[in-house]
Amino acid sequence: MNKLGLLGKNISYSFSRSYFKEKFEKEQIENTSYENFDIDTINKFPGIIKNTAGLKGMNVTIPYKEAVMPYLDEINEQAKAIGAVNTIKITNEGKLVGYNTDCYGFKKTIEPFIKPHHKKALILGTGGASKAVIFSLKELGLSCSYVSRTLSDQVQFSYDSLTEEDVKNHEVIVNCTPLGTFPDIEDHPNIKYQGVSDKHLLFDLIYNPEETTFLSLGKKNGATIVNGANMLKLQAEKSWSIWDLY
């Protein structure tokens, strides 16, 4: 039995497990399972590897996309450049190799919506997913600025310092925080939404609910809105091709 799974924390809601379960049924893929490896600290990761017979690969989600990297034997060049891993392949020799398929899923999903006037992006949140987002947007020719609770060398804006004018001047805004995820659907990043216009593109990595409060506040001001559902499907299929089981 080939085993695959998702590494994360508090992931009972996970998209991945239901997605792959459905995929295996639909495509009649046998002798393969996908389960959640829900751990409260990354130092439990080696125990999963040691004690799970038949484990061939994993997806990695919040909050371990960066924390898992020191435990891997190899990291693909692109994942290294991004600084985050969301897919692990376990080779026949037992080596753990890290990849990033978030960037593929995000870029493929957002690219059709990027217009010539989209020059600057605000990235809300600084976790592992945000690194793939910035990598992809830079490839598409946009300049990117981080927004987080506190300023640092990497973070150009705090939520407190971000003005309506700043929002107006950054025509692409990507929510990489979990704010607004079901069941806390009223939550949303605290930015000046009155700076959003019909020139804006708002992208939320969240897929549940389909339209988060962040997106609906943007839509009210005429912005184009996109959620994370397609990105997740694309990154999942890319992971499947990396595991290359059949």
Protein backbone atom coordinates (compact mmCIF):
# COMPACT_ATOMS: atom_id res chain seq x y z
CA MET A 1 0.00 0.00 0.00
CA ASN A 2 1.38 3.38 -1.04
CA LYS A 3 0.72 6.04 1.55
CA LEU A 4 0.53 9.79 1.02
CA GLY A 5 -0.54 12.50 3.40
CA LEU A 6 -0.75 16.09 4.56
CA LEU A 7 1.55 17.46 7.25
CA GLY A 8 0.11 20.35 9.23
CA LYS A 9 -1.51 21.55 12.44
CA ASN A 10 -5.27 21.60 13.10
CA ILE A 11 -5.99 20.32 9.58
CA SER A 12 -9.22 18.38 10.04
CA TYR A 13 -10.83 20.78 7.50
CA SER A 14 -8.18 19.86 4.92
CA PHE A 15 -8.89 20.16 1.22
CA SER A 16 -6.12 17.72 0.30
CA ARG A 17 -7.45 14.58 1.94
CA SER A 18 -10.92 14.85 0.36
CA TYR A 19 -9.41 15.91 -2.99
CA PHE A 20 -7.14 12.88 -3.24
CA LYS A 21 -9.74 10.47 -1.88
CA GLU A 22 -12.08 11.61 -4.66
CA LYS A 23 -9.28 11.44 -7.23
CA PHE A 24 -8.40 7.85 -6.28
CA GLU A 25 -12.04 6.78 -6.58
CA LYS A 26 -12.68 8.61 -9.85
CA GLU A 27 -9.48 7.42 -11.54
CA GLN A 28 -9.66 3.93 -9.98
CA ILE A 29 -6.25 4.30 -8.37
CA GLU A 30 -5.83 1.34 -6.02
CA ASN A 31 -3.46 0.50 -3.16
CA THR A 32 -2.97 4.19 -2.38
CA SER A 33 -4.22 6.13 0.64
CA TYR A 34 -3.99 9.77 1.73
CA GLU A 35 -4.23 10.76 5.38
CA ASN A 36 -3.68 13.74 7.64
CA PHE A 37 -0.55 13.91 9.79
CA ASP A 38 -1.72 16.48 12.30
CA ILE A 39 1.12 17.38 14.66
CA ASP A 40 1.43 20.16 17.23
CA THR A 41 5.20 20.55 16.78
CA ILE A 42 7.57 19.90 13.86
CA ASN A 43 9.92 17.76 15.95
CA LYS A 44 7.31 14.98 15.69
CA PHE A 45 7.94 14.84 11.92
CA PRO A 46 10.83 12.30 12.02
CA GLY A 47 8.60 9.93 13.99
CA ILE A 48 6.00 9.98 11.19
CA ILE A 49 8.68 9.14 8.61
CA LYS A 50 10.06 6.35 10.78
CA ASN A 51 6.75 4.78 11.76
CA THR A 52 4.64 5.04 8.59
CA ALA A 53 5.26 2.03 6.37
CA GLY A 54 4.80 2.63 2.64
CA LEU A 55 4.96 6.45 2.90
CA LYS A 56 5.84 7.84 -0.55
CA GLY A 57 5.09 11.53 -0.26
CA MET A 58 3.47 14.39 1.58
CA ASN A 59 1.96 17.79 1.14
CA VAL A 60 2.89 20.37 3.77
CA THR A 61 0.64 23.16 5.01
CA ILE A 62 0.52 25.86 7.70
CA PRO A 63 2.63 26.20 9.82
CA TYR A 64 5.38 23.84 8.61
CA LYS A 65 6.30 24.92 5.06
CA GLU A 66 9.53 26.48 6.29
CA ALA A 67 10.03 24.53 9.53
CA VAL A 68 10.19 21.17 7.70
CA MET A 69 13.11 22.18 5.47
CA PRO A 70 15.98 21.31 7.87
CA TYR A 71 14.63 17.74 8.11
CA LEU A 72 14.92 17.09 4.35
CA ASP A 73 17.84 15.44 2.54
CA GLU A 74 17.48 17.53 -0.62
CA ILE A 75 15.55 20.63 -1.67
CA ASN A 76 14.69 21.33 -5.29
CA GLU A 77 16.31 24.53 -6.66
CA GLN A 78 13.05 26.41 -7.08
CA ALA A 79 11.84 25.52 -3.57
CA LYS A 80 15.22 26.63 -2.24
CA ALA A 81 14.89 29.97 -4.06
CA ILE A 82 11.36 30.42 -2.68
CA GLY A 83 12.37 29.40 0.86
CA ALA A 84 9.38 27.13 1.48
CA VAL A 85 8.38 23.52 0.76
CA ASN A 86 4.82 22.24 0.33
CA THR A 87 5.55 18.85 -1.28
CA ILE A 88 7.88 16.08 -0.15
CA LYS A 89 8.80 13.05 -2.24
CA ILE A 90 10.22 10.02 -0.46
CA THR A 91 12.51 8.18 -2.86
CA ASN A 92 12.97 4.41 -3.07
CA GLU A 93 16.20 4.90 -1.15
CA GLY A 94 14.28 6.66 1.63
CA LYS A 95 15.57 10.15 0.86
CA LEU A 96 13.28 13.11 1.57
CA VAL A 97 13.22 15.63 -1.29
CA GLY A 98 11.40 18.97 -0.94
CA TYR A 99 9.53 20.82 -3.72
CA ASN A 100 7.21 23.81 -3.98
CA THR A 101 4.06 23.43 -6.07
CA ASP A 102 2.28 26.45 -4.54
CA CYS A 103 4.10 28.75 -6.94
CA TYR A 104 2.91 26.71 -9.94
CA GLY A 105 -0.70 26.67 -8.71
CA PHE A 106 -0.74 30.35 -7.81
CA LYS A 107 0.95 31.60 -10.98
CA LYS A 108 -1.28 29.54 -13.30
CA THR A 109 -4.39 30.78 -11.46
CA ILE A 110 -3.58 34.50 -11.22
CA GLU A 111 -1.86 34.99 -14.60
CA PRO A 112 -5.08 35.28 -16.69
CA PHE A 113 -6.28 38.11 -14.39
CA ILE A 114 -3.10 40.22 -14.50
CA LYS A 115 -3.57 43.39 -16.56
CA PRO A 116 -0.90 45.79 -17.90
CA HIS A 117 -1.68 48.35 -15.15
CA HIS A 118 -1.02 45.78 -12.41
CA LYS A 119 2.48 46.83 -11.39
CA LYS A 120 2.59 46.60 -7.59
CA ALA A 121 1.28 44.05 -5.12
CA LEU A 122 0.61 43.95 -1.39
CA ILE A 123 1.17 40.55 0.20
CA LEU A 124 -0.78 40.14 3.43
CA GLY A 125 1.05 37.76 5.76
CA THR A 126 4.60 36.42 5.81
CA GLY A 127 4.20 32.63 6.11
CA GLY A 128 5.46 29.93 3.74
CA ALA A 129 2.69 30.41 1.18
CA SER A 130 3.46 34.12 0.88
CA LYS A 131 6.99 33.30 -0.28
CA ALA A 132 5.66 31.28 -3.23
CA VAL A 133 3.25 34.13 -4.04
CA ILE A 134 6.01 36.74 -4.11
CA PHE A 135 8.26 34.46 -6.19
CA SER A 136 5.46 34.01 -8.76
CA LEU A 137 4.42 37.68 -8.91
CA LYS A 138 8.01 38.77 -9.42
CA GLU A 139 8.24 36.30 -12.33
CA LEU A 140 5.16 38.05 -13.74
CA GLY A 141 6.94 41.42 -13.46
CA LEU A 142 5.25 42.88 -10.37
CA SER A 143 7.00 44.50 -7.44
CA CYS A 144 5.82 43.19 -4.07
CA SER A 145 5.58 44.55 -0.53
CA TYR A 146 4.79 42.58 2.62
CA VAL A 147 2.12 43.68 5.09
CA SER A 148 2.28 42.19 8.59
CA ARG A 149 1.54 43.10 12.19
CA THR A 150 5.06 44.39 12.78
CA LEU A 151 7.62 46.05 10.54
CA SER A 152 11.00 44.42 9.86
CA ASP A 153 13.71 44.38 7.17
CA GLN A 154 11.41 42.16 5.06
CA VAL A 155 8.10 43.82 5.97
CA GLN A 156 7.48 47.19 4.31
CA PHE A 157 4.07 47.94 5.86
CA SER A 158 2.35 47.13 9.11
CA TYR A 159 -1.45 46.97 9.19
CA ASP A 160 -1.35 50.12 11.34
CA SER A 161 0.90 52.07 8.97
CA LEU A 162 -0.80 51.04 5.71
CA THR A 163 -2.78 54.02 4.39
CA GLU A 164 -5.70 54.28 1.99
CA GLU A 165 -3.25 55.80 -0.52
CA ASP A 166 -0.94 52.76 -0.17
CA VAL A 167 -3.88 50.46 -0.90
CA LYS A 168 -4.83 52.60 -3.90
CA ASN A 169 -1.27 52.45 -5.28
CA HIS A 170 -0.99 48.65 -5.09
CA GLU A 171 -3.43 47.25 -7.64
CA VAL A 172 -2.94 43.60 -6.65
CA ILE A 173 -3.59 42.48 -3.06
CA VAL A 174 -3.09 38.85 -2.01
CA ASN A 175 -4.30 37.49 1.32
CA CYS A 176 -1.87 34.80 2.51
CA THR A 177 -3.19 34.81 6.09
CA PRO A 178 -5.77 32.33 7.40
CA LEU A 179 -8.07 35.24 8.41
CA GLY A 180 -11.59 34.56 7.19
CA THR A 181 -11.32 30.78 6.92
CA PHE A 182 -14.45 28.82 7.88
CA PRO A 183 -15.83 28.90 10.56
CA ASP A 184 -14.46 32.40 11.36
CA ILE A 185 -15.87 33.85 8.17
CA GLU A 186 -16.34 37.39 9.53
CA ASP A 187 -12.59 37.78 10.07
CA HIS A 188 -10.57 39.67 7.47
CA PRO A 189 -7.24 41.48 7.14
CA ASN A 190 -7.54 45.00 8.55
CA ILE A 191 -6.68 47.19 5.57
CA LYS A 192 -8.25 50.39 4.21
CA TYR A 193 -10.72 48.82 1.76
CA GLN A 194 -11.91 52.28 0.68
CA GLY A 195 -8.64 52.50 -1.28
CA VAL A 196 -9.74 49.52 -3.43
CA SER A 197 -11.21 50.34 -6.87
CA ASP A 198 -12.21 48.65 -10.12
CA LYS A 199 -8.52 48.70 -11.09
CA HIS A 200 -7.74 46.24 -8.30
CA LEU A 201 -7.31 42.47 -8.30
CA LEU A 202 -7.84 40.80 -4.92
CA PHE A 203 -6.72 37.19 -4.52
CA ASP A 204 -7.41 35.12 -1.41
CA LEU A 205 -5.55 31.85 -0.86
CA ILE A 206 -8.54 30.72 1.22
CA TYR A 207 -11.07 28.50 -0.57
CA ASN A 208 -13.60 27.95 2.22
CA PRO A 209 -15.80 30.01 2.11
CA GLU A 210 -15.71 30.62 -1.64
CA GLU A 211 -16.11 34.35 -1.08
CA THR A 212 -14.33 35.54 2.05
CA THR A 213 -15.10 38.86 3.72
CA PHE A 214 -11.79 40.14 2.28
CA LEU A 215 -13.00 39.34 -1.24
CA SER A 216 -16.53 40.64 -0.74
CA LEU A 217 -15.25 43.97 0.62
CA GLY A 218 -13.08 44.27 -2.50
CA LYS A 219 -15.94 43.30 -4.79
CA LYS A 220 -18.14 46.04 -3.31
CA ASN A 221 -15.59 48.55 -4.60
CA GLY A 222 -15.49 47.00 -8.07
CA ALA A 223 -12.36 44.88 -7.71
CA THR A 224 -11.84 41.62 -9.61
CA ILE A 225 -11.75 38.80 -7.05
CA VAL A 226 -10.24 35.29 -7.15
CA ASN A 227 -10.17 32.62 -4.42
CA GLY A 228 -7.67 29.82 -3.78
CA ALA A 229 -9.70 26.83 -5.03
CA ASN A 230 -8.12 26.50 -8.48
CA MET A 231 -4.64 27.11 -7.07
CA LEU A 232 -5.13 24.22 -4.64
CA LYS A 233 -6.26 21.82 -7.36
CA LEU A 234 -3.31 22.76 -9.59
CA GLN A 235 -0.74 22.42 -6.81
CA ALA A 236 -2.26 19.06 -5.79
CA GLU A 237 -2.00 17.69 -9.33
CA LYS A 238 1.58 18.98 -9.59
CA SER A 239 2.40 17.16 -6.33
CA TRP A 240 0.87 13.98 -7.74
CA SER A 241 3.11 14.20 -10.81
CA ILE A 242 6.17 14.69 -8.56
CA TRP A 243 5.35 11.61 -6.48
CA ASP A 244 5.12 9.67 -9.75
CA LEU A 245 3.71 6.49 -8.22
CA TYR A 246 2.33 4.84 -11.37
